[in-house]
Amino acid sequence: MSDLFDEYPMLIFALESLLALFLLVFIVVWTSSGKKKITRAHSTEQHKQQNPQNPQ
Protein backbone atom coordinates (compact mmCIF):
# COMPACT_ATOMS: atom_id res chain seq x y z
CA MET A 1 0.00 0.00 0.00
CA SER A 2 2.80 2.42 0.81
CA ASP A 3 4.38 1.57 -2.55
CA LEU A 4 1.22 2.88 -4.22
CA PHE A 5 1.48 6.17 -2.33
CA ASP A 6 5.21 6.37 -3.09
CA GLU A 7 4.50 5.96 -6.78
CA TYR A 8 1.52 8.38 -6.82
CA PRO A 9 2.01 10.92 -4.00
CA MET A 10 -1.00 13.03 -5.03
CA LEU A 11 -3.32 10.05 -4.63
CA ILE A 12 -3.73 10.65 -0.90
CA PHE A 13 -4.86 14.24 -1.57
CA ALA A 14 -7.36 13.02 -4.15
CA LEU A 15 -8.76 10.46 -1.71
CA GLU A 16 -8.98 13.06 1.03
CA SER A 17 -10.81 15.51 -1.23
CA LEU A 18 -13.28 12.81 -2.31
CA LEU A 19 -13.94 11.96 1.33
CA ALA A 20 -14.51 15.64 2.14
CA LEU A 21 -16.90 15.99 -0.80
CA PHE A 22 -18.85 12.91 0.30
CA LEU A 23 -19.11 14.26 3.86
CA LEU A 24 -20.31 17.64 2.59
CA VAL A 25 -23.03 16.09 0.44
CA PHE A 26 -24.07 13.77 3.27
CA ILE A 27 -24.38 16.64 5.76
CA VAL A 28 -26.37 18.80 3.33
CA VAL A 29 -28.78 15.96 2.48
CA TRP A 30 -29.21 15.01 6.15
CA THR A 31 -29.94 18.56 7.30
CA SER A 32 -32.25 19.39 4.40
CA SER A 33 -34.34 16.24 4.96
CA GLY A 34 -34.73 17.15 8.63
CA LYS A 35 -35.92 20.63 7.70
CA LYS A 36 -38.52 19.15 5.32
CA LYS A 37 -39.87 16.86 8.05
CA ILE A 38 -40.22 19.76 10.49
CA THR A 39 -41.89 21.98 7.88
CA ARG A 40 -44.29 19.21 6.87
CA ALA A 41 -45.32 18.57 10.49
CA HIS A 42 -45.70 22.29 11.13
CA SER A 43 -47.86 22.85 8.04
CA THR A 44 -50.09 19.89 8.96
CA GLU A 45 -50.53 21.36 12.42
CA GLN A 46 -51.48 24.76 10.97
CA HIS A 47 -53.94 23.13 8.58
CA LYS A 48 -55.69 21.41 11.48
CA GLN A 49 -55.94 24.70 13.38
CA GLN A 50 -57.37 26.57 10.40
CA ASN A 51 -59.97 23.91 9.53
CA PRO A 52 -61.37 22.50 12.77
CA GLN A 53 -63.90 19.76 12.23
CA ASN A 54 -67.25 20.46 13.84
CA PRO A 55 -68.96 17.23 14.88
CA GLN A 56 -72.72 17.65 14.51
PDB file of N, CA and C in Angstrom:
ATOM      1  N   MET A   1       0.827  -1.196   0.000  1.00  0.00           N
ATOM      2  CA  MET A   1       0.000   0.000   0.000  1.00  0.00           C
ATOM      3  C   MET A   1       0.874   1.263   0.000  1.00  0.00           C
ATOM      4  N   SER A   2       1.926   1.249   0.789  1.00  0.00           N
ATOM      5  CA  SER A   2       2.799   2.422   0.811  1.00  0.00           C
ATOM      6  C   SER A   2       3.543   2.581  -0.519  1.00  0.00           C
ATOM      7  N   ASP A   3       3.761   1.472  -1.232  1.00  0.00           N
ATOM      8  CA  ASP A   3       4.382   1.570  -2.552  1.00  0.00           C
ATOM      9  C   ASP A   3       3.489   2.349  -3.509  1.00  0.00           C
ATOM     10  N   LEU A   4       2.165   2.165  -3.377  1.00  0.00           N
ATOM     11  CA  LEU A   4       1.225   2.885  -4.218  1.00  0.00           C
ATOM     12  C   LEU A   4       1.310   4.385  -3.949  1.00  0.00           C
ATOM     13  N   PHE A   5       1.384   4.756  -2.678  1.00  0.00           N
ATOM     14  CA  PHE A   5       1.485   6.172  -2.333  1.00  0.00           C
ATOM     15  C   PHE A   5       2.855   6.748  -2.688  1.00  0.00           C
ATOM     16  N   ASP A   6       3.891   5.912  -2.660  1.00  0.00           N
ATOM     17  CA  ASP A   6       5.213   6.372  -3.087  1.00  0.00           C
ATOM     18  C   ASP A   6       5.234   6.630  -4.589  1.00  0.00           C
ATOM     19  N   GLU A   7       4.520   5.802  -5.333  1.00  0.00           N
ATOM     20  CA  GLU A   7       4.499   5.960  -6.782  1.00  0.00           C
ATOM     21  C   GLU A   7       3.594   7.126  -7.206  1.00  0.00           C
ATOM     22  N   TYR A   8       2.482   7.303  -6.509  1.00  0.00           N
ATOM     23  CA  TYR A   8       1.524   8.377  -6.818  1.00  0.00           C
ATOM     24  C   TYR A   8       1.281   9.213  -5.553  1.00  0.00           C
ATOM     25  N   PRO A   9       2.146  10.169  -5.261  1.00  0.00           N
ATOM     26  CA  PRO A   9       2.013  10.919  -3.996  1.00  0.00           C
ATOM     27  C   PRO A   9       0.757  11.794  -3.922  1.00  0.00           C
ATOM     28  N   MET A  10       0.207  12.184  -5.060  1.00  0.00           N
ATOM     29  CA  MET A  10      -0.998  13.034  -5.027  1.00  0.00           C
ATOM     30  C   MET A  10      -2.271  12.219  -4.798  1.00  0.00           C
ATOM     31  N   LEU A  11      -2.154  10.898  -4.805  1.00  0.00           N
ATOM     32  CA  LEU A  11      -3.321  10.046  -4.627  1.00  0.00           C
ATOM     33  C   LEU A  11      -3.965  10.254  -3.258  1.00  0.00           C
ATOM     34  N   ILE A  12      -3.168  10.459  -2.236  1.00  0.00           N
ATOM     35  CA  ILE A  12      -3.725  10.652  -0.902  1.00  0.00           C
ATOM     36  C   ILE A  12      -4.529  11.960  -0.833  1.00  0.00           C
ATOM     37  N   PHE A  13      -4.103  12.979  -1.552  1.00  0.00           N
ATOM     38  CA  PHE A  13      -4.861  14.240  -1.572  1.00  0.00           C
ATOM     39  C   PHE A  13      -6.171  14.072  -2.333  1.00  0.00           C
ATOM     40  N   ALA A  14      -6.138  13.286  -3.396  1.00  0.00           N
ATOM     41  CA  ALA A  14      -7.365  13.024  -4.146  1.00  0.00           C
ATOM     42  C   ALA A  14      -8.356  12.238  -3.294  1.00  0.00           C
ATOM     43  N   LEU A  15      -7.873  11.237  -2.580  1.00  0.00           N
ATOM     44  CA  LEU A  15      -8.756  10.456  -1.706  1.00  0.00           C
ATOM     45  C   LEU A  15      -9.330  11.316  -0.591  1.00  0.00           C
ATOM     46  N   GLU A  16      -8.511  12.175  -0.038  1.00  0.00           N
ATOM     47  CA  GLU A  16      -8.980  13.060   1.033  1.00  0.00           C
ATOM     48  C   GLU A  16     -10.029  14.040   0.510  1.00  0.00           C
ATOM     49  N   SER A  17      -9.830  14.570  -0.678  1.00  0.00           N
ATOM     50  CA  SER A  17     -10.808  15.507  -1.231  1.00  0.00           C
ATOM     51  C   SER A  17     -12.118  14.797  -1.578  1.00  0.00           C
ATOM     52  N   LEU A  18     -12.056  13.567  -2.056  1.00  0.00           N
ATOM     53  CA  LEU A  18     -13.284  12.805  -2.314  1.00  0.00           C
ATOM     54  C   LEU A  18     -14.039  12.513  -1.015  1.00  0.00           C
ATOM     55  N   LEU A  19     -13.316  12.194   0.032  1.00  0.00           N
ATOM     56  CA  LEU A  19     -13.942  11.960   1.326  1.00  0.00           C
ATOM     57  C   LEU A  19     -14.609  13.236   1.851  1.00  0.00           C
ATOM     58  N   ALA A  20     -13.935  14.367   1.703  1.00  0.00           N
ATOM     59  CA  ALA A  20     -14.508  15.641   2.140  1.00  0.00           C
ATOM     60  C   ALA A  20     -15.758  15.992   1.334  1.00  0.00           C
ATOM     61  N   LEU A  21     -15.735  15.738   0.040  1.00  0.00           N
ATOM     62  CA  LEU A  21     -16.905  15.991  -0.797  1.00  0.00           C
ATOM     63  C   LEU A  21     -18.077  15.098  -0.387  1.00  0.00           C
ATOM     64  N   PHE A  22     -17.806  13.822  -0.143  1.00  0.00           N
ATOM     65  CA  PHE A  22     -18.853  12.909   0.303  1.00  0.00           C
ATOM     66  C   PHE A  22     -19.452  13.378   1.628  1.00  0.00           C
ATOM     67  N   LEU A  23     -18.608  13.775   2.572  1.00  0.00           N
ATOM     68  CA  LEU A  23     -19.114  14.264   3.859  1.00  0.00           C
ATOM     69  C   LEU A  23     -19.954  15.518   3.697  1.00  0.00           C
ATOM     70  N   LEU A  24     -19.544  16.418   2.833  1.00  0.00           N
ATOM     71  CA  LEU A  24     -20.306  17.641   2.591  1.00  0.00           C
ATOM     72  C   LEU A  24     -21.691  17.317   2.028  1.00  0.00           C
ATOM     73  N   VAL A  25     -21.743  16.457   1.034  1.00  0.00           N
ATOM     74  CA  VAL A  25     -23.034  16.087   0.438  1.00  0.00           C
ATOM     75  C   VAL A  25     -23.904  15.376   1.465  1.00  0.00           C
ATOM     76  N   PHE A  26     -23.322  14.493   2.244  1.00  0.00           N
ATOM     77  CA  PHE A  26     -24.067  13.767   3.268  1.00  0.00           C
ATOM     78  C   PHE A  26     -24.667  14.716   4.300  1.00  0.00           C
ATOM     79  N   ILE A  27     -23.889  15.680   4.768  1.00  0.00           N
ATOM     80  CA  ILE A  27     -24.383  16.635   5.764  1.00  0.00           C
ATOM     81  C   ILE A  27     -25.489  17.503   5.186  1.00  0.00           C
ATOM     82  N   VAL A  28     -25.342  17.952   3.958  1.00  0.00           N
ATOM     83  CA  VAL A  28     -26.370  18.795   3.334  1.00  0.00           C
ATOM     84  C   VAL A  28     -27.667  18.016   3.152  1.00  0.00           C
ATOM     85  N   VAL A  29     -27.577  16.776   2.678  1.00  0.00           N
ATOM     86  CA  VAL A  29     -28.782  15.964   2.481  1.00  0.00           C
ATOM     87  C   VAL A  29     -29.447  15.669   3.821  1.00  0.00           C
ATOM     88  N   TRP A  30     -28.659  15.342   4.837  1.00  0.00           N
ATOM     89  CA  TRP A  30     -29.212  15.014   6.145  1.00  0.00           C
ATOM     90  C   TRP A  30     -29.944  16.228   6.733  1.00  0.00           C
ATOM     91  N   THR A  31     -29.319  17.385   6.694  1.00  0.00           N
ATOM     92  CA  THR A  31     -29.939  18.563   7.302  1.00  0.00           C
ATOM     93  C   THR A  31     -31.144  19.050   6.505  1.00  0.00           C
ATOM     94  N   SER A  32     -31.108  18.937   5.187  1.00  0.00           N
ATOM     95  CA  SER A  32     -32.254  19.392   4.402  1.00  0.00           C
ATOM     96  C   SER A  32     -33.442  18.448   4.576  1.00  0.00           C
ATOM     97  N   SER A  33     -33.219  17.166   4.741  1.00  0.00           N
ATOM     98  CA  SER A  33     -34.335  16.243   4.956  1.00  0.00           C
ATOM     99  C   SER A  33     -34.959  16.487   6.326  1.00  0.00           C
ATOM    100  N   GLY A  34     -34.181  16.837   7.310  1.00  0.00           N
ATOM    101  CA  GLY A  34     -34.728  17.155   8.629  1.00  0.00           C
ATOM    102  C   GLY A  34     -35.569  18.409   8.585  1.00  0.00           C
ATOM    103  N   LYS A  35     -35.161  19.389   7.821  1.00  0.00           N
ATOM    104  CA  LYS A  35     -35.925  20.634   7.700  1.00  0.00           C
ATOM    105  C   LYS A  35     -37.259  20.367   7.012  1.00  0.00           C
ATOM    106  N   LYS A  36     -37.278  19.483   6.011  1.00  0.00           N
ATOM    107  CA  LYS A  36     -38.524  19.151   5.318  1.00  0.00           C
ATOM    108  C   LYS A  36     -39.497  18.464   6.262  1.00  0.00           C
ATOM    109  N   LYS A  37     -39.004  17.569   7.113  1.00  0.00           N
ATOM    110  CA  LYS A  37     -39.874  16.862   8.046  1.00  0.00           C
ATOM    111  C   LYS A  37     -40.492  17.838   9.042  1.00  0.00           C
ATOM    112  N   ILE A  38     -39.711  18.778   9.534  1.00  0.00           N
ATOM    113  CA  ILE A  38     -40.221  19.760  10.491  1.00  0.00           C
ATOM    114  C   ILE A  38     -41.248  20.655   9.813  1.00  0.00           C
ATOM    115  N   THR A  39     -40.971  21.109   8.608  1.00  0.00           N
ATOM    116  CA  THR A  39     -41.895  21.982   7.882  1.00  0.00           C
ATOM    117  C   THR A  39     -43.188  21.242   7.574  1.00  0.00           C
ATOM    118  N   ARG A  40     -43.103  19.986   7.185  1.00  0.00           N
ATOM    119  CA  ARG A  40     -44.293  19.208   6.867  1.00  0.00           C
ATOM    120  C   ARG A  40     -45.160  19.031   8.110  1.00  0.00           C
ATOM    121  N   ALA A  41     -44.554  18.739   9.253  1.00  0.00           N
ATOM    122  CA  ALA A  41     -45.317  18.572  10.488  1.00  0.00           C
ATOM    123  C   ALA A  41     -45.937  19.893  10.915  1.00  0.00           C
ATOM    124  N   HIS A  42     -45.203  20.966  10.740  1.00  0.00           N
ATOM    125  CA  HIS A  42     -45.696  22.288  11.128  1.00  0.00           C
ATOM    126  C   HIS A  42     -46.863  22.711  10.237  1.00  0.00           C
ATOM    127  N   SER A  43     -46.782  22.460   8.942  1.00  0.00           N
ATOM    128  CA  SER A  43     -47.863  22.849   8.036  1.00  0.00           C
ATOM    129  C   SER A  43     -49.112  22.008   8.286  1.00  0.00           C
ATOM    130  N   THR A  44     -48.947  20.740   8.629  1.00  0.00           N
ATOM    131  CA  THR A  44     -50.087  19.891   8.957  1.00  0.00           C
ATOM    132  C   THR A  44     -50.771  20.402  10.219  1.00  0.00           C
ATOM    133  N   GLU A  45     -49.981  20.825  11.168  1.00  0.00           N
ATOM    134  CA  GLU A  45     -50.531  21.358  12.417  1.00  0.00           C
ATOM    135  C   GLU A  45     -51.301  22.651  12.156  1.00  0.00           C
ATOM    136  N   GLN A  46     -50.782  23.513  11.297  1.00  0.00           N
ATOM    137  CA  GLN A  46     -51.475  24.762  10.972  1.00  0.00           C
ATOM    138  C   GLN A  46     -52.761  24.467  10.215  1.00  0.00           C
ATOM    139  N   HIS A  47     -52.753  23.482   9.353  1.00  0.00           N
ATOM    140  CA  HIS A  47     -53.939  23.133   8.577  1.00  0.00           C
ATOM    141  C   HIS A  47     -55.053  22.656   9.514  1.00  0.00           C
ATOM    142  N   LYS A  48     -54.703  21.886  10.521  1.00  0.00           N
ATOM    143  CA  LYS A  48     -55.693  21.412  11.485  1.00  0.00           C
ATOM    144  C   LYS A  48     -56.281  22.574  12.281  1.00  0.00           C
ATOM    145  N   GLN A  49     -55.459  23.561  12.613  1.00  0.00           N
ATOM    146  CA  GLN A  49     -55.937  24.699  13.382  1.00  0.00           C
ATOM    147  C   GLN A  49     -56.841  25.596  12.544  1.00  0.00           C
ATOM    148  N   GLN A  50     -56.577  25.718  11.261  1.00  0.00           N
ATOM    149  CA  GLN A  50     -57.372  26.569  10.402  1.00  0.00           C
ATOM    150  C   GLN A  50     -58.701  25.933  10.034  1.00  0.00           C
ATOM    151  N   ASN A  51     -58.770  24.624   9.939  1.00  0.00           N
ATOM    152  CA  ASN A  51     -59.974  23.907   9.526  1.00  0.00           C
ATOM    153  C   ASN A  51     -60.419  22.943  10.622  1.00  0.00           C
ATOM    154  N   PRO A  52     -60.917  23.443  11.734  1.00  0.00           N
ATOM    155  CA  PRO A  52     -61.367  22.503  12.772  1.00  0.00           C
ATOM    156  C   PRO A  52     -62.641  21.787  12.304  1.00  0.00           C
ATOM    157  N   GLN A  53     -62.726  20.538  12.613  1.00  0.00           N
ATOM    158  CA  GLN A  53     -63.904  19.762  12.232  1.00  0.00           C
ATOM    159  C   GLN A  53     -64.962  19.908  13.322  1.00  0.00           C
ATOM    160  N   ASN A  54     -66.159  20.263  12.897  1.00  0.00           N
ATOM    161  CA  ASN A  54     -67.251  20.456  13.837  1.00  0.00           C
ATOM    162  C   ASN A  54     -68.153  19.222  13.806  1.00  0.00           C
ATOM    163  N   PRO A  55     -68.076  18.402  14.852  1.00  0.00           N
ATOM    164  CA  PRO A  55     -68.957  17.229  14.877  1.00  0.00           C
ATOM    165  C   PRO A  55     -70.390  17.638  15.172  1.00  0.00           C
ATOM    166  N   GLN A  56     -71.316  17.301  14.289  1.00  0.00           N
ATOM    167  CA  GLN A  56     -72.721  17.655  14.507  1.00  0.00           C
ATOM    168  C   GLN A  56     -73.606  16.483  14.251  1.00  0.00           C
TER     169      GLN A  56
END
